[in-house]
Protein backbone atom coordinates (compact mmCIF):
# COMPACT_ATOMS: atom_id res chain seq x y z
CA MET A 1 18.15 -15.74 -11.32
CA GLY A 2 18.06 -12.75 -13.64
CA GLU A 3 18.19 -9.03 -12.87
CA LEU A 4 15.70 -6.27 -12.23
CA ALA A 5 15.13 -4.32 -15.46
CA ALA A 6 14.94 -1.07 -13.50
CA GLU A 7 15.41 1.38 -16.39
CA LYS A 8 12.75 -0.42 -18.45
CA HIS A 9 10.31 -0.21 -15.54
CA VAL A 10 10.96 3.52 -15.17
CA GLN A 11 10.27 4.05 -18.89
CA TYR A 12 7.11 1.93 -18.66
CA ILE A 13 5.70 3.93 -15.73
CA ILE A 14 6.36 7.26 -17.45
CA SER A 15 4.81 6.01 -20.71
CA VAL A 16 1.59 4.93 -18.96
CA GLU A 17 1.22 8.37 -17.42
CA LYS A 18 1.84 10.17 -20.73
CA ASN A 19 -0.44 8.01 -22.88
CA LYS A 20 -3.90 9.00 -21.58
CA ASP A 21 -5.64 7.10 -24.41
CA SER A 22 -4.08 3.71 -23.66
CA PHE A 23 -6.29 0.85 -22.44
CA GLU A 24 -4.55 0.81 -19.06
CA SER A 25 -4.98 4.55 -18.63
CA VAL A 26 -8.69 4.46 -19.55
CA VAL A 27 -9.60 1.58 -17.22
CA MET A 28 -7.76 3.34 -14.37
CA GLU A 29 -9.55 6.63 -14.94
CA HIS A 30 -11.60 6.38 -11.71
CA LEU A 31 -8.58 5.49 -9.53
CA ARG A 32 -5.87 7.54 -11.16
CA LEU A 33 -4.71 8.81 -7.76
CA ASN A 34 -3.98 5.25 -6.67
CA GLY A 35 -2.08 4.73 -9.92
CA ALA A 36 -0.06 7.88 -9.24
CA TYR A 37 0.91 6.52 -5.82
CA TRP A 38 1.92 3.12 -7.24
CA GLY A 39 3.90 4.58 -10.11
CA LEU A 40 5.60 7.43 -8.26
CA THR A 41 6.54 5.29 -5.26
CA THR A 42 8.11 2.78 -7.64
CA LEU A 43 10.10 5.58 -9.26
CA ASP A 44 11.28 6.73 -5.83
CA LEU A 45 12.28 3.19 -4.79
CA LEU A 46 14.33 3.01 -7.99
CA GLY A 47 15.88 6.44 -7.35
CA LYS A 48 14.12 8.07 -10.32
CA LEU A 49 11.44 10.30 -8.80
CA ASP A 50 13.04 13.29 -10.48
CA ALA A 51 11.91 11.88 -13.85
CA VAL A 52 8.51 13.55 -13.32
CA ASP A 53 7.43 17.18 -12.94
CA SER A 54 6.54 17.40 -9.24
CA ASP A 55 4.74 20.75 -9.57
CA GLU A 56 2.45 19.32 -12.25
CA VAL A 57 1.67 16.26 -10.13
CA ILE A 58 0.94 18.29 -7.00
CA GLN A 59 -1.31 20.72 -8.90
CA TRP A 60 -3.35 17.82 -10.27
CA ILE A 61 -3.62 16.13 -6.86
CA MET A 62 -4.99 19.28 -5.25
CA GLN A 63 -7.66 19.45 -7.98
CA CYS A 64 -8.84 16.03 -6.79
CA GLN A 65 -9.65 17.36 -3.32
CA HIS A 66 -13.33 17.67 -2.41
CA GLU A 67 -14.84 20.43 -0.28
CA SER A 68 -15.29 17.80 2.45
CA GLY A 69 -11.50 17.62 2.82
CA GLY A 70 -11.23 14.17 1.30
CA PHE A 71 -9.75 13.29 -2.08
CA ALA A 72 -11.28 11.59 -5.11
CA GLY A 73 -9.60 9.13 -7.44
CA ASN A 74 -9.63 11.77 -10.17
CA ILE A 75 -10.87 15.29 -10.81
CA GLY A 76 -14.66 15.51 -10.50
CA HIS A 77 -15.13 12.14 -8.81
CA ASP A 78 -16.47 11.44 -5.29
CA PRO A 79 -14.08 11.51 -2.32
CA HIS A 80 -13.06 8.28 -0.58
CA ILE A 81 -10.68 7.49 2.27
CA LEU A 82 -8.67 5.23 -0.08
CA TYR A 83 -7.76 8.05 -2.46
CA THR A 84 -7.18 10.41 0.45
CA LEU A 85 -4.33 8.22 1.70
CA SER A 86 -2.83 8.02 -1.80
CA ALA A 87 -2.89 11.82 -2.02
CA VAL A 88 -1.11 12.21 1.31
CA GLN A 89 1.45 9.53 0.40
CA VAL A 90 2.29 11.13 -2.95
CA LEU A 91 2.64 14.56 -1.34
CA ALA A 92 4.92 12.93 1.25
CA LEU A 93 7.14 11.56 -1.54
CA PHE A 94 7.71 15.14 -2.75
CA ASP A 95 7.99 16.53 0.81
CA LYS A 96 4.91 18.66 0.12
CA ILE A 97 2.43 17.71 2.85
CA SER A 98 2.67 21.39 3.77
CA VAL A 99 0.42 22.30 0.82
CA LEU A 100 -2.49 20.60 2.60
CA ASP A 101 -4.97 22.06 5.03
CA VAL A 102 -4.13 19.24 7.42
CA ASP A 103 -7.09 19.90 9.73
CA SER A 104 -9.54 19.73 6.81
CA VAL A 105 -8.17 16.36 5.66
CA SER A 106 -7.93 14.89 9.16
CA ASN A 107 -11.43 16.09 10.07
CA TYR A 108 -12.78 14.34 6.97
CA ILE A 109 -11.16 11.07 8.05
CA ALA A 110 -12.37 11.48 11.65
CA THR A 111 -15.99 11.82 10.48
CA LEU A 112 -15.72 8.31 8.96
CA GLN A 113 -15.11 6.58 12.29
CA ASN A 114 -18.12 4.67 13.57
CA GLU A 115 -19.29 4.17 17.15
CA ASP A 116 -17.72 0.68 17.36
CA GLY A 117 -14.33 2.05 16.31
CA SER A 118 -14.51 0.83 12.71
CA PHE A 119 -14.22 3.13 9.69
CA SER A 120 -16.40 3.63 6.64
CA GLY A 121 -14.72 4.25 3.31
CA ASP A 122 -16.95 7.17 2.38
CA MET A 123 -20.36 8.71 3.03
CA TRP A 124 -22.11 5.53 1.81
CA GLY A 125 -20.96 3.58 4.84
CA GLU A 126 -19.10 0.44 3.67
CA VAL A 127 -17.01 -0.86 6.59
CA ASP A 128 -13.74 -2.75 6.10
CA THR A 129 -10.48 -3.13 8.07
CA ARG A 130 -8.77 -1.67 4.99
CA PHE A 131 -10.34 1.63 5.93
CA SER A 132 -9.19 1.27 9.55
CA TYR A 133 -5.60 0.95 8.34
CA ILE A 134 -5.98 3.81 5.88
CA ALA A 135 -7.39 6.14 8.54
CA ILE A 136 -4.65 5.30 11.04
CA CYS A 137 -1.83 5.45 8.47
CA CYS A 138 -3.04 8.72 6.97
CA LEU A 139 -3.62 10.46 10.30
CA SER A 140 -0.24 9.26 11.56
CA LEU A 141 1.50 10.73 8.49
CA LEU A 142 -0.40 13.97 9.11
CA GLN A 143 0.48 13.73 12.83
CA ARG A 144 -3.19 13.96 13.75
CA LEU A 145 -3.98 10.57 15.33
CA ASP A 146 -5.54 12.47 18.22
CA LYS A 147 -8.49 13.27 15.92
CA ILE A 148 -9.91 9.74 16.36
CA ASN A 149 -10.55 7.27 19.17
CA VAL A 150 -7.46 5.11 18.68
CA GLU A 151 -8.39 2.72 21.49
CA LYS A 152 -11.74 1.92 19.86
CA ALA A 153 -10.11 1.62 16.44
CA VAL A 154 -7.65 -0.94 17.80
CA SER A 155 -10.40 -2.86 19.61
CA TYR A 156 -12.37 -3.16 16.37
CA ILE A 157 -9.32 -4.47 14.49
CA VAL A 158 -8.68 -7.02 17.24
CA SER A 159 -12.32 -8.15 16.97
CA CYS A 160 -11.55 -9.15 13.36
CA LYS A 161 -8.81 -11.60 14.42
CA ASN A 162 -9.46 -15.26 13.61
CA VAL A 163 -8.49 -18.56 15.23
CA ASP A 164 -5.82 -19.09 12.54
CA GLY A 165 -4.06 -15.91 13.69
CA GLY A 166 -5.14 -13.93 10.61
CA PHE A 167 -7.61 -11.10 10.17
CA GLY A 168 -10.68 -10.53 8.02
CA CYS A 169 -12.41 -7.45 6.62
CA THR A 170 -15.06 -7.52 9.38
CA PRO A 171 -15.55 -9.71 12.49
CA GLY A 172 -15.89 -13.33 11.33
CA GLY A 173 -14.55 -12.57 7.86
CA GLU A 174 -12.10 -14.99 6.21
CA SER A 175 -8.40 -14.40 6.85
CA HIS A 176 -6.78 -12.85 3.80
CA SER A 177 -3.23 -11.60 3.26
CA GLY A 178 -4.39 -8.13 2.20
CA GLN A 179 -6.56 -7.69 5.27
CA ILE A 180 -3.77 -9.06 7.46
CA PHE A 181 -1.41 -6.36 6.18
CA CYS A 182 -4.03 -3.71 6.95
CA CYS A 183 -4.63 -4.96 10.49
CA VAL A 184 -0.99 -5.66 11.33
CA GLY A 185 0.06 -2.35 9.80
CA ALA A 186 -2.51 -0.42 11.83
CA LEU A 187 -1.48 -2.23 15.02
CA ALA A 188 2.20 -1.54 14.27
CA ILE A 189 1.59 2.19 13.74
CA THR A 190 -0.41 2.45 16.99
CA GLY A 191 2.13 0.43 18.98
CA CYS A 192 -0.31 -2.42 19.55
CA LEU A 193 1.42 -5.41 17.93
CA HIS A 194 1.12 -7.28 21.24
CA HIS A 195 -2.39 -8.23 20.07
CA VAL A 196 -0.85 -10.40 17.31
CA ASP A 197 0.06 -14.05 17.87
CA ARG A 198 3.30 -13.78 15.92
CA ASP A 199 4.05 -17.50 15.64
CA LEU A 200 0.51 -18.49 14.66
CA LEU A 201 0.14 -15.67 12.13
CA GLY A 202 3.70 -16.19 10.89
CA TRP A 203 2.92 -19.84 10.19
CA TRP A 204 -0.26 -18.92 8.26
CA LEU A 205 1.62 -16.32 6.21
CA CYS A 206 4.64 -18.47 5.36
CA GLU A 207 2.23 -21.20 4.21
CA ARG A 208 1.26 -18.80 1.42
CA GLN A 209 4.48 -19.63 -0.44
CA VAL A 210 3.91 -22.16 -3.23
CA LYS A 211 6.32 -24.34 -5.23
CA SER A 212 7.10 -21.61 -7.78
CA GLY A 213 8.35 -19.40 -4.94
CA GLY A 214 5.47 -16.94 -5.30
CA LEU A 215 2.97 -16.11 -2.57
CA ASN A 216 -0.81 -16.35 -2.62
CA GLY A 217 -3.43 -14.44 -0.67
CA ARG A 218 -5.17 -17.41 0.92
CA PRO A 219 -5.09 -21.22 0.73
CA GLU A 220 -5.55 -22.96 -2.64
CA LYS A 221 -5.12 -19.77 -4.71
CA LEU A 222 -2.59 -19.02 -7.44
CA PRO A 223 0.54 -17.06 -6.53
CA ASP A 224 0.47 -13.36 -7.38
CA VAL A 225 3.31 -10.83 -7.35
CA CYS A 226 1.23 -8.36 -5.32
CA TYR A 227 1.41 -10.69 -2.32
CA SER A 228 5.15 -10.16 -2.37
CA TRP A 229 4.06 -6.99 -0.56
CA TRP A 230 0.94 -7.99 1.38
CA VAL A 231 2.49 -11.14 2.89
CA LEU A 232 6.10 -10.00 3.20
CA SER A 233 5.33 -6.68 4.88
CA SER A 234 3.35 -8.46 7.60
CA LEU A 235 6.12 -11.03 8.08
CA VAL A 236 8.65 -8.20 8.44
CA MET A 237 6.48 -6.38 10.99
CA ILE A 238 6.12 -9.51 13.15
CA ASP A 239 9.76 -10.52 12.63
CA ARG A 240 9.05 -13.81 10.85
CA VAL A 241 10.25 -13.03 7.31
CA HIS A 242 13.05 -15.60 7.68
CA TRP A 243 10.38 -18.32 7.60
CA ILE A 244 10.03 -18.12 3.80
CA ASN A 245 12.45 -18.90 0.96
CA LYS A 246 13.54 -15.42 -0.07
CA GLU A 247 15.62 -16.54 -3.06
CA LYS A 248 12.69 -18.37 -4.67
CA LEU A 249 10.43 -15.36 -4.15
CA VAL A 250 12.98 -13.02 -5.75
CA LYS A 251 13.14 -15.35 -8.77
CA PHE A 252 9.31 -15.43 -9.04
CA ILE A 253 9.15 -11.62 -9.10
CA LEU A 254 11.98 -11.26 -11.61
CA ASP A 255 10.43 -13.94 -13.84
CA SER A 256 7.24 -11.84 -13.94
CA GLN A 257 8.99 -8.88 -15.60
CA ASP A 258 8.58 -7.76 -19.19
CA LYS A 259 12.29 -7.25 -19.81
CA GLU A 260 11.76 -5.71 -23.26
CA ASN A 261 9.05 -3.13 -22.58
CA GLY A 262 9.15 -2.83 -18.79
CA GLY A 263 6.55 -3.51 -16.14
CA ILE A 264 5.80 -6.48 -13.90
CA SER A 265 2.77 -8.78 -14.11
CA ASP A 266 0.88 -10.83 -11.53
CA ARG A 267 2.79 -13.96 -12.58
CA PRO A 268 5.19 -14.99 -15.38
CA GLU A 269 3.89 -14.59 -18.96
CA ASP A 270 0.89 -12.39 -18.03
CA ALA A 271 0.30 -8.76 -19.06
CA VAL A 272 2.04 -6.13 -16.96
CA ASP A 273 0.35 -3.25 -15.10
CA ILE A 274 1.30 -0.40 -12.76
CA TYR A 275 -0.21 -2.12 -9.70
CA HIS A 276 1.92 -5.26 -9.95
CA THR A 277 4.98 -3.26 -11.02
CA TYR A 278 4.79 -1.34 -7.76
CA PHE A 279 4.15 -4.33 -5.54
CA GLY A 280 6.85 -6.35 -7.27
CA VAL A 281 9.45 -3.63 -6.71
CA ALA A 282 8.17 -3.03 -3.14
CA GLY A 283 8.51 -6.76 -2.47
CA LEU A 284 12.09 -6.70 -3.77
CA SER A 285 12.74 -3.76 -1.45
CA LEU A 286 11.57 -5.80 1.55
CA LEU A 287 13.84 -8.60 0.32
CA GLU A 288 16.75 -6.11 0.33
CA TYR A 289 17.35 -6.49 -3.40
CA PRO A 290 20.41 -4.46 -4.55
CA GLY A 291 19.68 -1.06 -6.04
CA VAL A 292 16.18 -0.74 -4.57
CA LYS A 293 15.64 1.73 -1.71
CA ALA A 294 14.31 0.45 1.62
CA ILE A 295 10.55 0.68 2.12
CA ASP A 296 8.73 0.98 5.44
CA PRO A 297 6.51 -2.13 5.89
CA ALA A 298 3.80 -0.28 7.83
CA TYR A 299 3.54 3.02 5.95
CA ALA A 300 4.26 1.61 2.45
CA LEU A 301 6.56 4.54 1.71
CA PRO A 302 10.35 4.68 1.31
CA VAL A 303 12.04 4.65 4.72
CA ASP A 304 13.77 7.98 4.07
CA VAL A 305 10.39 9.62 3.38
CA VAL A 306 8.91 8.29 6.65
CA ASN A 307 11.99 9.36 8.60
CA ARG A 308 11.77 12.85 7.11
CA ILE A 309 8.13 13.21 8.20
CA PHE A 310 8.68 12.14 11.78
CA SER A 311 12.00 13.91 12.25
CA SER A 312 10.13 17.18 11.61
CA LYS A 313 7.88 16.69 14.66
C-alpha cells in the first residue's frame, strides 16, 4: 500500500512558505491566509507545528485584519468571511485566540446574516451555504453563537436539502460533496443533525467512491484527493463511514504523493499543491492512519485543539 512520506510533506510545506517567488506562492497571493491554514494544520496533524515561528505567523495574520473586524486573504486585500475563519483557525492552532478582539470579529460575522437566515460572504452580498457553515463554525470557536439567529440559520440550511438527501449552495442547487460538508458540519455544531436523513445521505456519499478507491464530488466526475475530506467528514458525522472501502481510499491518497519532493496532488501523477496536501492528510486522519493526529470532522481542526478551546469555557 505504501507509506505516508510525512517528513517530505513537512519540508514541502515549509519550502512553499519560504519561497515567495514560486509559481504556487504567486497564484495564492490573494488567499494566502487560506494557504496558511491548510499548511499549518497539516503540520499540526503530523506533529510538526513547532517547525514554524508562531510569533511571526500571528503578527502577519493580525496585519490581515480589516477595520470592519473581518480578515482578508492577505495584507491590503478586502475582508471576507472565508479568510476570517482561516484566521481564527490558525490562531486556535497556536492557542492564541486571546489576541483577537472577539467582539469585533463576531460582530463582523453577525452583520453578514440576512433576513432569511442565510449568510453573505462579504459586503457584496454573494449567498452560499459555505458561508453559513463558516459563520457558525467561526462563532462557535469564538464562543459567540449568540450573536446570530441560529434558528433562522439552521432553517435556511435545511431549505437547501434535496430529495437525494444532499445539500446545495442555495435552495434548489445541485447536491455537491463540498456543500454537504458545510451543511452537515453546521448542523452538527448547532446540535441539529436530526434534520439529516442519515441513510439517504450516507448512500449518496458512499456512491462517490470510484473503482480507483478515490472519491468524487458528484456523479460522473473524476476522483479527487480533496474529497477524502469533504465526503469522509460528512460520513463520520452521520456515522456512515463504514459504508466505504477505507483501504482503497488510503491507497488512492498515498498513490497521489510526491515521495521525492513532498506534497500530495489531486490524483496520482498530477502536480502537488498545499490544498490537496492538507486534505489528503486530513482524510488519512479521519481514516485513523498511524502517526496522524485525530481531526474533528465538524471544525476541521485537530481534536486536541477543539478540546482545548471548549474546555476553557
